[in-house]
Amino acid sequence: MLRIRELREERGKTQEEMAKHLQISRQVYANHENGINQPSFEMLNKLANFFECSIDYLLGRSDDFGNITVKENYID
């Protein structure tokens, strides 16, 4: 299951705020959090950039948050 709920809560963001940032509806975002729908690769990339972590961490494939650097032009 995706770790986006815990990451969102750690940053004090609401589902509505995340949805606006990602330019999707709150319901679509909630469905990703609840495992009802799986995000596309493009959406996973946006989420990883927002949370500054690896996609593997988001997917639960790694417990290493990842020490990544996000280039400015990749942040929406």
PDB file of N, CA and C in Angstrom:
ATOM      1  N   MET A   1       0.846  -1.187   0.000  1.00  0.00           N
ATOM      2  CA  MET A   1       0.000   0.000   0.000  1.00  0.00           C
ATOM      3  C   MET A   1       0.888   1.245   0.000  1.00  0.00           C
ATOM      4  N   LEU A   2       0.415   2.240  -0.684  1.00  0.00           N
ATOM      5  CA  LEU A   2       1.169   3.491  -0.752  1.00  0.00           C
ATOM      6  C   LEU A   2       1.298   4.135   0.626  1.00  0.00           C
ATOM      7  N   ARG A   3       2.393   4.831   0.820  1.00  0.00           N
ATOM      8  CA  ARG A   3       2.638   5.521   2.087  1.00  0.00           C
ATOM      9  C   ARG A   3       2.227   6.987   2.039  1.00  0.00           C
ATOM     10  N   ILE A   4       1.397   7.359   1.081  1.00  0.00           N
ATOM     11  CA  ILE A   4       1.127   8.787   0.916  1.00  0.00           C
ATOM     12  C   ILE A   4       0.292   9.373   2.051  1.00  0.00           C
ATOM     13  N   ARG A   5      -0.540   8.574   2.697  1.00  0.00           N
ATOM     14  CA  ARG A   5      -1.329   9.109   3.813  1.00  0.00           C
ATOM     15  C   ARG A   5      -0.412   9.549   4.948  1.00  0.00           C
ATOM     16  N   GLU A   6       0.501   8.681   5.349  1.00  0.00           N
ATOM     17  CA  GLU A   6       1.388   9.032   6.461  1.00  0.00           C
ATOM     18  C   GLU A   6       2.277  10.220   6.099  1.00  0.00           C
ATOM     19  N   LEU A   7       2.742  10.268   4.863  1.00  0.00           N
ATOM     20  CA  LEU A   7       3.576  11.398   4.443  1.00  0.00           C
ATOM     21  C   LEU A   7       2.774  12.697   4.415  1.00  0.00           C
ATOM     22  N   ARG A   8       1.542  12.619   3.928  1.00  0.00           N
ATOM     23  CA  ARG A   8       0.675  13.800   3.892  1.00  0.00           C
ATOM     24  C   ARG A   8       0.401  14.302   5.297  1.00  0.00           C
ATOM     25  N   GLU A   9       0.063  13.390   6.198  1.00  0.00           N
ATOM     26  CA  GLU A   9      -0.241  13.773   7.578  1.00  0.00           C
ATOM     27  C   GLU A   9       0.974  14.351   8.284  1.00  0.00           C
ATOM     28  N   GLU A  10       2.160  13.795   8.028  1.00  0.00           N
ATOM     29  CA  GLU A  10       3.387  14.328   8.623  1.00  0.00           C
ATOM     30  C   GLU A  10       3.619  15.778   8.220  1.00  0.00           C
ATOM     31  N   ARG A  11       3.179  16.135   7.029  1.00  0.00           N
ATOM     32  CA  ARG A  11       3.361  17.501   6.532  1.00  0.00           C
ATOM     33  C   ARG A  11       2.178  18.407   6.841  1.00  0.00           C
ATOM     34  N   GLY A  12       1.190  17.875   7.527  1.00  0.00           N
ATOM     35  CA  GLY A  12       0.039  18.671   7.931  1.00  0.00           C
ATOM     36  C   GLY A  12      -0.839  19.124   6.772  1.00  0.00           C
ATOM     37  N   LYS A  13      -0.869  18.335   5.709  1.00  0.00           N
ATOM     38  CA  LYS A  13      -1.670  18.670   4.526  1.00  0.00           C
ATOM     39  C   LYS A  13      -2.987  17.893   4.555  1.00  0.00           C
ATOM     40  N   THR A  14      -4.016  18.491   3.996  1.00  0.00           N
ATOM     41  CA  THR A  14      -5.295  17.805   3.843  1.00  0.00           C
ATOM     42  C   THR A  14      -5.325  17.109   2.483  1.00  0.00           C
ATOM     43  N   GLN A  15      -6.270  16.208   2.333  1.00  0.00           N
ATOM     44  CA  GLN A  15      -6.438  15.573   1.025  1.00  0.00           C
ATOM     45  C   GLN A  15      -6.783  16.627  -0.021  1.00  0.00           C
ATOM     46  N   GLU A  16      -7.583  17.596   0.350  1.00  0.00           N
ATOM     47  CA  GLU A  16      -7.968  18.662  -0.579  1.00  0.00           C
ATOM     48  C   GLU A  16      -6.747  19.451  -1.040  1.00  0.00           C
ATOM     49  N   GLU A  17      -5.860  19.785  -0.120  1.00  0.00           N
ATOM     50  CA  GLU A  17      -4.646  20.527  -0.481  1.00  0.00           C
ATOM     51  C   GLU A  17      -3.764  19.713  -1.425  1.00  0.00           C
ATOM     52  N   MET A  18      -3.624  18.425  -1.137  1.00  0.00           N
ATOM     53  CA  MET A  18      -2.818  17.571  -2.001  1.00  0.00           C
ATOM     54  C   MET A  18      -3.439  17.472  -3.389  1.00  0.00           C
ATOM     55  N   ALA A  19      -4.750  17.291  -3.435  1.00  0.00           N
ATOM     56  CA  ALA A  19      -5.439  17.172  -4.723  1.00  0.00           C
ATOM     57  C   ALA A  19      -5.252  18.436  -5.555  1.00  0.00           C
ATOM     58  N   LYS A  20      -5.364  19.595  -4.931  1.00  0.00           N
ATOM     59  CA  LYS A  20      -5.170  20.850  -5.661  1.00  0.00           C
ATOM     60  C   LYS A  20      -3.747  20.946  -6.191  1.00  0.00           C
ATOM     61  N   HIS A  21      -2.778  20.588  -5.368  1.00  0.00           N
ATOM     62  CA  HIS A  21      -1.376  20.630  -5.793  1.00  0.00           C
ATOM     63  C   HIS A  21      -1.137  19.706  -6.986  1.00  0.00           C
ATOM     64  N   LEU A  22      -1.760  18.542  -6.942  1.00  0.00           N
ATOM     65  CA  LEU A  22      -1.560  17.533  -7.989  1.00  0.00           C
ATOM     66  C   LEU A  22      -2.502  17.719  -9.177  1.00  0.00           C
ATOM     67  N   GLN A  23      -3.412  18.659  -9.054  1.00  0.00           N
ATOM     68  CA  GLN A  23      -4.388  18.964 -10.106  1.00  0.00           C
ATOM     69  C   GLN A  23      -5.285  17.771 -10.424  1.00  0.00           C
ATOM     70  N   ILE A  24      -5.778  17.149  -9.347  1.00  0.00           N
ATOM     71  CA  ILE A  24      -6.745  16.067  -9.455  1.00  0.00           C
ATOM     72  C   ILE A  24      -7.850  16.333  -8.442  1.00  0.00           C
ATOM     73  N   SER A  25      -8.927  15.569  -8.517  1.00  0.00           N
ATOM     74  CA  SER A  25     -10.007  15.754  -7.550  1.00  0.00           C
ATOM     75  C   SER A  25      -9.607  15.144  -6.202  1.00  0.00           C
ATOM     76  N   ARG A  26     -10.260  15.614  -5.146  1.00  0.00           N
ATOM     77  CA  ARG A  26      -9.996  15.066  -3.816  1.00  0.00           C
ATOM     78  C   ARG A  26     -10.361  13.587  -3.796  1.00  0.00           C
ATOM     79  N   GLN A  27     -11.428  13.212  -4.484  1.00  0.00           N
ATOM     80  CA  GLN A  27     -11.855  11.814  -4.499  1.00  0.00           C
ATOM     81  C   GLN A  27     -10.813  10.915  -5.156  1.00  0.00           C
ATOM     82  N   VAL A  28     -10.236  11.364  -6.248  1.00  0.00           N
ATOM     83  CA  VAL A  28      -9.182  10.582  -6.910  1.00  0.00           C
ATOM     84  C   VAL A  28      -7.993  10.424  -5.963  1.00  0.00           C
ATOM     85  N   TYR A  29      -7.611  11.524  -5.297  1.00  0.00           N
ATOM     86  CA  TYR A  29      -6.497  11.434  -4.339  1.00  0.00           C
ATOM     87  C   TYR A  29      -6.843  10.465  -3.208  1.00  0.00           C
ATOM     88  N   ALA A  30      -8.052  10.580  -2.666  1.00  0.00           N
ATOM     89  CA  ALA A  30      -8.476   9.685  -1.575  1.00  0.00           C
ATOM     90  C   ALA A  30      -8.453   8.232  -2.030  1.00  0.00           C
ATOM     91  N   ASN A  31      -8.850   7.979  -3.271  1.00  0.00           N
ATOM     92  CA  ASN A  31      -8.822   6.613  -3.794  1.00  0.00           C
ATOM     93  C   ASN A  31      -7.394   6.084  -3.865  1.00  0.00           C
ATOM     94  N   HIS A  32      -6.436   6.927  -4.172  1.00  0.00           N
ATOM     95  CA  HIS A  32      -5.028   6.509  -4.161  1.00  0.00           C
ATOM     96  C   HIS A  32      -4.603   6.164  -2.739  1.00  0.00           C
ATOM     97  N   GLU A  33      -4.952   7.020  -1.784  1.00  0.00           N
ATOM     98  CA  GLU A  33      -4.585   6.772  -0.378  1.00  0.00           C
ATOM     99  C   GLU A  33      -5.192   5.469   0.136  1.00  0.00           C
ATOM    100  N   ASN A  34      -6.414   5.191  -0.262  1.00  0.00           N
ATOM    101  CA  ASN A  34      -7.133   4.022   0.253  1.00  0.00           C
ATOM    102  C   ASN A  34      -6.896   2.749  -0.557  1.00  0.00           C
ATOM    103  N   GLY A  35      -6.052   2.845  -1.584  1.00  0.00           N
ATOM    104  CA  GLY A  35      -5.720   1.670  -2.378  1.00  0.00           C
ATOM    105  C   GLY A  35      -6.821   1.228  -3.326  1.00  0.00           C
ATOM    106  N   ILE A  36      -7.810   2.100  -3.557  1.00  0.00           N
ATOM    107  CA  ILE A  36      -8.897   1.759  -4.469  1.00  0.00           C
ATOM    108  C   ILE A  36      -8.409   1.843  -5.914  1.00  0.00           C
ATOM    109  N   ASN A  37      -7.661   2.885  -6.226  1.00  0.00           N
ATOM    110  CA  ASN A  37      -7.059   3.069  -7.551  1.00  0.00           C
ATOM    111  C   ASN A  37      -5.559   3.239  -7.375  1.00  0.00           C
ATOM    112  N   GLN A  38      -4.813   2.712  -8.315  1.00  0.00           N
ATOM    113  CA  GLN A  38      -3.369   2.872  -8.292  1.00  0.00           C
ATOM    114  C   GLN A  38      -2.968   4.074  -9.149  1.00  0.00           C
ATOM    115  N   PRO A  39      -2.086   4.917  -8.628  1.00  0.00           N
ATOM    116  CA  PRO A  39      -1.657   6.075  -9.416  1.00  0.00           C
ATOM    117  C   PRO A  39      -0.798   5.661 -10.603  1.00  0.00           C
ATOM    118  N   SER A  40      -0.862   6.462 -11.643  1.00  0.00           N
ATOM    119  CA  SER A  40      -0.023   6.242 -12.822  1.00  0.00           C
ATOM    120  C   SER A  40       1.434   6.515 -12.451  1.00  0.00           C
ATOM    121  N   PHE A  41       2.336   6.126 -13.354  1.00  0.00           N
ATOM    122  CA  PHE A  41       3.749   6.423 -13.120  1.00  0.00           C
ATOM    123  C   PHE A  41       3.963   7.929 -13.017  1.00  0.00           C
ATOM    124  N   GLU A  42       3.289   8.684 -13.871  1.00  0.00           N
ATOM    125  CA  GLU A  42       3.412  10.148 -13.828  1.00  0.00           C
ATOM    126  C   GLU A  42       2.992  10.681 -12.457  1.00  0.00           C
ATOM    127  N   MET A  43       1.891  10.156 -11.917  1.00  0.00           N
ATOM    128  CA  MET A  43       1.424  10.606 -10.597  1.00  0.00           C
ATOM    129  C   MET A  43       2.385  10.170  -9.505  1.00  0.00           C
ATOM    130  N   LEU A  44       2.918   8.954  -9.596  1.00  0.00           N
ATOM    131  CA  LEU A  44       3.910   8.504  -8.617  1.00  0.00           C
ATOM    132  C   LEU A  44       5.124   9.430  -8.627  1.00  0.00           C
ATOM    133  N   ASN A  45       5.529   9.840  -9.810  1.00  0.00           N
ATOM    134  CA  ASN A  45       6.662  10.742  -9.939  1.00  0.00           C
ATOM    135  C   ASN A  45       6.356  12.089  -9.275  1.00  0.00           C
ATOM    136  N   LYS A  46       5.157  12.618  -9.501  1.00  0.00           N
ATOM    137  CA  LYS A  46       4.757  13.886  -8.874  1.00  0.00           C
ATOM    138  C   LYS A  46       4.731  13.759  -7.357  1.00  0.00           C
ATOM    139  N   LEU A  47       4.202  12.638  -6.871  1.00  0.00           N
ATOM    140  CA  LEU A  47       4.143  12.416  -5.425  1.00  0.00           C
ATOM    141  C   LEU A  47       5.543  12.297  -4.824  1.00  0.00           C
ATOM    142  N   ALA A  48       6.410  11.543  -5.483  1.00  0.00           N
ATOM    143  CA  ALA A  48       7.781  11.391  -4.995  1.00  0.00           C
ATOM    144  C   ALA A  48       8.501  12.734  -4.985  1.00  0.00           C
ATOM    145  N   ASN A  49       8.285  13.548  -6.002  1.00  0.00           N
ATOM    146  CA  ASN A  49       8.894  14.880  -6.033  1.00  0.00           C
ATOM    147  C   ASN A  49       8.350  15.749  -4.907  1.00  0.00           C
ATOM    148  N   PHE A  50       7.052  15.715  -4.694  1.00  0.00           N
ATOM    149  CA  PHE A  50       6.447  16.531  -3.634  1.00  0.00           C
ATOM    150  C   PHE A  50       6.994  16.138  -2.269  1.00  0.00           C
ATOM    151  N   PHE A  51       7.025  14.828  -2.003  1.00  0.00           N
ATOM    152  CA  PHE A  51       7.468  14.349  -0.694  1.00  0.00           C
ATOM    153  C   PHE A  51       8.983  14.212  -0.598  1.00  0.00           C
ATOM    154  N   GLU A  52       9.682  14.455  -1.700  1.00  0.00           N
ATOM    155  CA  GLU A  52      11.141  14.346  -1.766  1.00  0.00           C
ATOM    156  C   GLU A  52      11.626  12.995  -1.264  1.00  0.00           C
ATOM    157  N   CYS A  53      11.034  11.954  -1.841  1.00  0.00           N
ATOM    158  CA  CYS A  53      11.423  10.591  -1.499  1.00  0.00           C
ATOM    159  C   CYS A  53      11.458   9.768  -2.786  1.00  0.00           C
ATOM    160  N   SER A  54      11.909   8.555  -2.671  1.00  0.00           N
ATOM    161  CA  SER A  54      11.962   7.683  -3.846  1.00  0.00           C
ATOM    162  C   SER A  54      10.590   7.065  -4.107  1.00  0.00           C
ATOM    163  N   ILE A  55      10.358   6.669  -5.336  1.00  0.00           N
ATOM    164  CA  ILE A  55       9.118   5.965  -5.672  1.00  0.00           C
ATOM    165  C   ILE A  55       9.080   4.629  -4.929  1.00  0.00           C
ATOM    166  N   ASP A  56      10.219   3.978  -4.785  1.00  0.00           N
ATOM    167  CA  ASP A  56      10.264   2.716  -4.029  1.00  0.00           C
ATOM    168  C   ASP A  56       9.781   2.919  -2.599  1.00  0.00           C
ATOM    169  N   TYR A  57      10.147   4.027  -1.978  1.00  0.00           N
ATOM    170  CA  TYR A  57       9.675   4.308  -0.623  1.00  0.00           C
ATOM    171  C   TYR A  57       8.151   4.492  -0.631  1.00  0.00           C
ATOM    172  N   LEU A  58       7.637   5.259  -1.595  1.00  0.00           N
ATOM    173  CA  LEU A  58       6.187   5.468  -1.689  1.00  0.00           C
ATOM    174  C   LEU A  58       5.437   4.144  -1.810  1.00  0.00           C
ATOM    175  N   LEU A  59       5.993   3.225  -2.591  1.00  0.00           N
ATOM    176  CA  LEU A  59       5.340   1.946  -2.845  1.00  0.00           C
ATOM    177  C   LEU A  59       5.544   0.927  -1.722  1.00  0.00           C
ATOM    178  N   GLY A  60       6.383   1.258  -0.739  1.00  0.00           N
ATOM    179  CA  GLY A  60       6.652   0.329   0.348  1.00  0.00           C
ATOM    180  C   GLY A  60       7.667  -0.736  -0.008  1.00  0.00           C
ATOM    181  N   ARG A  61       8.368  -0.539  -1.118  1.00  0.00           N
ATOM    182  CA  ARG A  61       9.393  -1.500  -1.549  1.00  0.00           C
ATOM    183  C   ARG A  61      10.709  -1.295  -0.823  1.00  0.00           C
ATOM    184  N   SER A  62      10.847  -0.157  -0.171  1.00  0.00           N
ATOM    185  CA  SER A  62      12.073   0.168   0.549  1.00  0.00           C
ATOM    186  C   SER A  62      11.706   0.961   1.791  1.00  0.00           C
ATOM    187  N   ASP A  63      12.432   0.712   2.868  1.00  0.00           N
ATOM    188  CA  ASP A  63      12.235   1.510   4.075  1.00  0.00           C
ATOM    189  C   ASP A  63      13.190   2.690   4.117  1.00  0.00           C
ATOM    190  N   ASP A  64      14.071   2.761   3.126  1.00  0.00           N
ATOM    191  CA  ASP A  64      14.993   3.882   3.006  1.00  0.00           C
ATOM    192  C   ASP A  64      14.254   5.020   2.304  1.00  0.00           C
ATOM    193  N   PHE A  65      14.069   6.123   3.013  1.00  0.00           N
ATOM    194  CA  PHE A  65      13.338   7.270   2.468  1.00  0.00           C
ATOM    195  C   PHE A  65      13.965   7.751   1.175  1.00  0.00           C
ATOM    196  N   GLY A  66      15.239   7.524   1.042  1.00  0.00           N
ATOM    197  CA  GLY A  66      15.938   7.966  -0.166  1.00  0.00           C
ATOM    198  C   GLY A  66      16.528   9.339   0.064  1.00  0.00           C
ATOM    199  N   ASN A  67      17.720   9.492  -0.331  1.00  0.00           N
ATOM    200  CA  ASN A  67      18.413  10.761  -0.177  1.00  0.00           C
ATOM    201  C   ASN A  67      18.484  11.381  -1.555  1.00  0.00           C
ATOM    202  N   ILE A  68      17.363  11.967  -2.001  1.00  0.00           N
ATOM    203  CA  ILE A  68      17.298  12.461  -3.368  1.00  0.00           C
ATOM    204  C   ILE A  68      17.288  13.978  -3.394  1.00  0.00           C
ATOM    205  N   THR A  69      17.665  14.500  -4.517  1.00  0.00           N
ATOM    206  CA  THR A  69      17.600  15.930  -4.760  1.00  0.00           C
ATOM    207  C   THR A  69      16.632  16.155  -5.907  1.00  0.00           C
ATOM    208  N   VAL A  70      15.650  16.996  -5.662  1.00  0.00           N
ATOM    209  CA  VAL A  70      14.651  17.286  -6.677  1.00  0.00           C
ATOM    210  C   VAL A  70      15.042  18.581  -7.359  1.00  0.00           C
ATOM    211  N   LYS A  71      15.142  18.532  -8.681  1.00  0.00           N
ATOM    212  CA  LYS A  71      15.474  19.747  -9.434  1.00  0.00           C
ATOM    213  C   LYS A  71      14.261  20.656  -9.467  1.00  0.00           C
ATOM    214  N   GLU A  72      14.485  21.937  -9.410  1.00  0.00           N
ATOM    215  CA  GLU A  72      13.422  22.928  -9.364  1.00  0.00           C
ATOM    216  C   GLU A  72      12.381  22.749 -10.460  1.00  0.00           C
ATOM    217  N   ASN A  73      12.793  22.493 -11.675  1.00  0.00           N
ATOM    218  CA  ASN A  73      11.843  22.412 -12.777  1.00  0.00           C
ATOM    219  C   ASN A  73      10.966  21.169 -12.723  1.00  0.00           C
ATOM    220  N   TYR A  74      11.230  20.235 -11.794  1.00  0.00           N
ATOM    221  CA  TYR A  74      10.410  19.046 -11.668  1.00  0.00           C
ATOM    222  C   TYR A  74       9.313  19.204 -10.624  1.00  0.00           C
ATOM    223  N   ILE A  75       9.378  20.221  -9.815  1.00  0.00           N
ATOM    224  CA  ILE A  75       8.359  20.443  -8.795  1.00  0.00           C
ATOM    225  C   ILE A  75       7.231  21.256  -9.404  1.00  0.00           C
ATOM    226  N   ASP A  76       6.019  20.702  -9.316  1.00  0.00           N
ATOM    227  CA  ASP A  76       4.856  21.407  -9.860  1.00  0.00           C
ATOM    228  C   ASP A  76       4.354  22.442  -8.878  1.00  0.00           C
TER     229      ASP A  76
END
